[in-house]
Amino acid sequence: MTFKNQRWKRYGLAVAAVSAAVLLRVGLSGTLGSGSLPYVAFLPAVMLAALWGGFGPGLLATGLSAVAVG
């Protein structure tokens, strides 16, 4: 299930997934607190980007997630 020959869709999916994870994390910050498992919201985003986009978008999602948490 990869998007062949549509690079912008694959990388756009990675950015959108991480953006959704950031919004989820910010929305749940009152419930989860600031120090509890900061990466847990980003795991599904990275998995989705890597599964549907491939190695490059998965790597991009990983990097964006690390920047968002840090």
N, C-alpha and C. Protein backbone atom coordinates (compact mmCIF):
# COMPACT_ATOMS: atom_id res chain seq x y z
N MET A 1 0.82 -1.20 0.00
CA MET A 1 0.00 0.00 0.00
C MET A 1 0.86 1.26 0.00
N THR A 2 1.77 1.38 -0.89
CA THR A 2 2.57 2.58 -0.96
C THR A 2 2.07 3.48 -2.07
N PHE A 3 2.33 4.76 -1.94
CA PHE A 3 2.00 5.72 -2.98
C PHE A 3 3.16 5.77 -3.96
N LYS A 4 3.09 5.01 -5.03
CA LYS A 4 4.18 4.98 -6.01
C LYS A 4 4.12 6.23 -6.88
N ASN A 5 5.27 6.79 -7.16
CA ASN A 5 5.43 7.94 -8.04
C ASN A 5 4.68 9.18 -7.56
N GLN A 6 4.37 9.25 -6.31
CA GLN A 6 3.71 10.42 -5.76
C GLN A 6 4.43 10.82 -4.48
N ARG A 7 5.63 11.30 -4.64
CA ARG A 7 6.50 11.60 -3.51
C ARG A 7 5.88 12.62 -2.57
N TRP A 8 5.22 13.63 -3.10
CA TRP A 8 4.66 14.68 -2.25
C TRP A 8 3.56 14.12 -1.36
N LYS A 9 2.82 13.12 -1.83
CA LYS A 9 1.79 12.51 -0.99
C LYS A 9 2.42 11.70 0.14
N ARG A 10 3.50 10.99 -0.16
CA ARG A 10 4.15 10.19 0.87
C ARG A 10 4.74 11.06 1.97
N TYR A 11 5.44 12.11 1.58
CA TYR A 11 6.05 12.99 2.58
C TYR A 11 5.00 13.88 3.25
N GLY A 12 3.96 14.23 2.52
CA GLY A 12 2.86 14.99 3.11
C GLY A 12 2.14 14.19 4.18
N LEU A 13 2.00 12.89 3.93
CA LEU A 13 1.40 12.01 4.94
C LEU A 13 2.23 12.00 6.21
N ALA A 14 3.54 11.97 6.06
CA ALA A 14 4.43 11.96 7.24
C ALA A 14 4.27 13.25 8.03
N VAL A 15 4.24 14.38 7.34
CA VAL A 15 4.10 15.67 8.03
C VAL A 15 2.72 15.77 8.68
N ALA A 16 1.68 15.32 7.98
CA ALA A 16 0.33 15.38 8.53
C ALA A 16 0.17 14.48 9.75
N ALA A 17 0.77 13.30 9.71
CA ALA A 17 0.67 12.38 10.84
C ALA A 17 1.36 12.94 12.07
N VAL A 18 2.53 13.52 11.88
CA VAL A 18 3.24 14.10 13.03
C VAL A 18 2.50 15.34 13.53
N SER A 19 1.93 16.12 12.63
CA SER A 19 1.15 17.29 13.05
C SER A 19 -0.06 16.87 13.88
N ALA A 20 -0.73 15.81 13.45
CA ALA A 20 -1.86 15.30 14.22
C ALA A 20 -1.41 14.80 15.59
N ALA A 21 -0.24 14.17 15.65
CA ALA A 21 0.28 13.69 16.93
C ALA A 21 0.63 14.85 17.85
N VAL A 22 1.16 15.93 17.28
CA VAL A 22 1.47 17.12 18.09
C VAL A 22 0.18 17.70 18.66
N LEU A 23 -0.85 17.81 17.82
CA LEU A 23 -2.13 18.35 18.30
C LEU A 23 -2.73 17.45 19.37
N LEU A 24 -2.62 16.15 19.19
CA LEU A 24 -3.11 15.22 20.20
C LEU A 24 -2.35 15.37 21.51
N ARG A 25 -1.05 15.49 21.40
CA ARG A 25 -0.20 15.63 22.59
C ARG A 25 -0.51 16.93 23.34
N VAL A 26 -0.69 18.01 22.58
CA VAL A 26 -1.02 19.30 23.20
C VAL A 26 -2.41 19.24 23.84
N GLY A 27 -3.33 18.60 23.15
CA GLY A 27 -4.68 18.48 23.69
C GLY A 27 -4.75 17.66 24.96
N LEU A 28 -3.90 16.67 25.07
CA LEU A 28 -3.90 15.80 26.25
C LEU A 28 -2.84 16.18 27.29
N SER A 29 -2.20 17.33 27.11
CA SER A 29 -1.12 17.69 28.03
C SER A 29 -1.62 17.88 29.46
N GLY A 30 -2.86 18.34 29.63
CA GLY A 30 -3.41 18.50 30.97
C GLY A 30 -3.65 17.16 31.64
N THR A 31 -4.04 16.18 30.85
CA THR A 31 -4.32 14.85 31.38
C THR A 31 -3.05 14.05 31.60
N LEU A 32 -2.17 14.07 30.61
CA LEU A 32 -0.95 13.26 30.68
C LEU A 32 0.16 13.90 31.48
N GLY A 33 0.19 15.21 31.54
CA GLY A 33 1.29 15.90 32.19
C GLY A 33 2.41 16.10 31.20
N SER A 34 3.38 16.91 31.55
CA SER A 34 4.44 17.25 30.61
C SER A 34 5.57 16.22 30.59
N GLY A 35 5.74 15.43 31.63
CA GLY A 35 6.88 14.54 31.69
C GLY A 35 6.59 13.08 31.42
N SER A 36 5.33 12.72 31.27
CA SER A 36 5.00 11.30 31.17
C SER A 36 4.99 10.83 29.72
N LEU A 37 5.90 9.98 29.39
CA LEU A 37 5.97 9.34 28.09
C LEU A 37 5.80 10.31 26.92
N PRO A 38 6.77 11.17 26.69
CA PRO A 38 6.59 12.20 25.66
C PRO A 38 6.51 11.65 24.23
N TYR A 39 7.04 10.46 23.99
CA TYR A 39 7.09 9.92 22.63
C TYR A 39 5.90 9.03 22.28
N VAL A 40 5.06 8.69 23.23
CA VAL A 40 4.03 7.69 23.00
C VAL A 40 3.01 8.15 21.95
N ALA A 41 2.72 9.42 21.86
CA ALA A 41 1.76 9.91 20.87
C ALA A 41 2.34 9.88 19.46
N PHE A 42 3.66 9.86 19.36
CA PHE A 42 4.30 9.93 18.05
C PHE A 42 4.57 8.56 17.44
N LEU A 43 4.50 7.52 18.22
CA LEU A 43 4.74 6.17 17.69
C LEU A 43 3.77 5.79 16.58
N PRO A 44 2.46 5.98 16.74
CA PRO A 44 1.55 5.66 15.63
C PRO A 44 1.80 6.51 14.39
N ALA A 45 2.19 7.76 14.57
CA ALA A 45 2.47 8.63 13.43
C ALA A 45 3.67 8.13 12.64
N VAL A 46 4.71 7.72 13.32
CA VAL A 46 5.90 7.21 12.65
C VAL A 46 5.60 5.87 11.97
N MET A 47 4.84 5.03 12.65
CA MET A 47 4.49 3.73 12.07
C MET A 47 3.64 3.91 10.82
N LEU A 48 2.68 4.81 10.86
CA LEU A 48 1.83 5.07 9.70
C LEU A 48 2.63 5.61 8.53
N ALA A 49 3.50 6.56 8.80
CA ALA A 49 4.32 7.15 7.74
C ALA A 49 5.25 6.11 7.13
N ALA A 50 5.84 5.26 7.95
CA ALA A 50 6.76 4.25 7.43
C ALA A 50 6.01 3.15 6.67
N LEU A 51 4.84 2.78 7.15
CA LEU A 51 4.08 1.72 6.50
C LEU A 51 3.57 2.16 5.14
N TRP A 52 2.96 3.32 5.07
CA TRP A 52 2.36 3.77 3.82
C TRP A 52 3.31 4.55 2.94
N GLY A 53 4.31 5.19 3.52
CA GLY A 53 5.20 6.02 2.73
C GLY A 53 6.52 5.37 2.39
N GLY A 54 7.01 4.54 3.26
CA GLY A 54 8.30 3.92 3.04
C GLY A 54 9.36 4.45 4.00
N PHE A 55 10.60 4.16 3.65
CA PHE A 55 11.71 4.50 4.54
C PHE A 55 11.91 6.01 4.70
N GLY A 56 11.90 6.74 3.61
CA GLY A 56 12.14 8.19 3.67
C GLY A 56 11.11 8.93 4.50
N PRO A 57 9.82 8.75 4.22
CA PRO A 57 8.82 9.41 5.04
C PRO A 57 8.83 8.94 6.50
N GLY A 58 9.16 7.67 6.73
CA GLY A 58 9.28 7.19 8.11
C GLY A 58 10.41 7.88 8.84
N LEU A 59 11.51 8.07 8.14
CA LEU A 59 12.64 8.78 8.72
C LEU A 59 12.31 10.24 8.98
N LEU A 60 11.60 10.86 8.04
CA LEU A 60 11.16 12.24 8.23
C LEU A 60 10.24 12.35 9.45
N ALA A 61 9.29 11.44 9.57
CA ALA A 61 8.38 11.46 10.71
C ALA A 61 9.13 11.27 12.02
N THR A 62 10.14 10.42 12.01
CA THR A 62 10.95 10.21 13.21
C THR A 62 11.69 11.49 13.59
N GLY A 63 12.28 12.13 12.61
CA GLY A 63 13.00 13.38 12.88
C GLY A 63 12.08 14.50 13.35
N LEU A 64 10.94 14.65 12.69
CA LEU A 64 9.99 15.68 13.10
C LEU A 64 9.46 15.42 14.51
N SER A 65 9.25 14.16 14.83
CA SER A 65 8.77 13.81 16.17
C SER A 65 9.82 14.15 17.23
N ALA A 66 11.08 13.87 16.92
CA ALA A 66 12.14 14.18 17.87
C ALA A 66 12.26 15.70 18.08
N VAL A 67 12.11 16.46 17.00
CA VAL A 67 12.16 17.91 17.12
C VAL A 67 10.97 18.43 17.91
N ALA A 68 9.79 17.86 17.67
CA ALA A 68 8.58 18.31 18.36
C ALA A 68 8.65 18.05 19.86
N VAL A 69 9.24 16.93 20.25
CA VAL A 69 9.33 16.59 21.67
C VAL A 69 10.42 17.40 22.35
N GLY A 70 11.52 17.60 21.65
CA GLY A 70 12.68 18.26 22.24
C GLY A 70 12.55 19.70 22.34
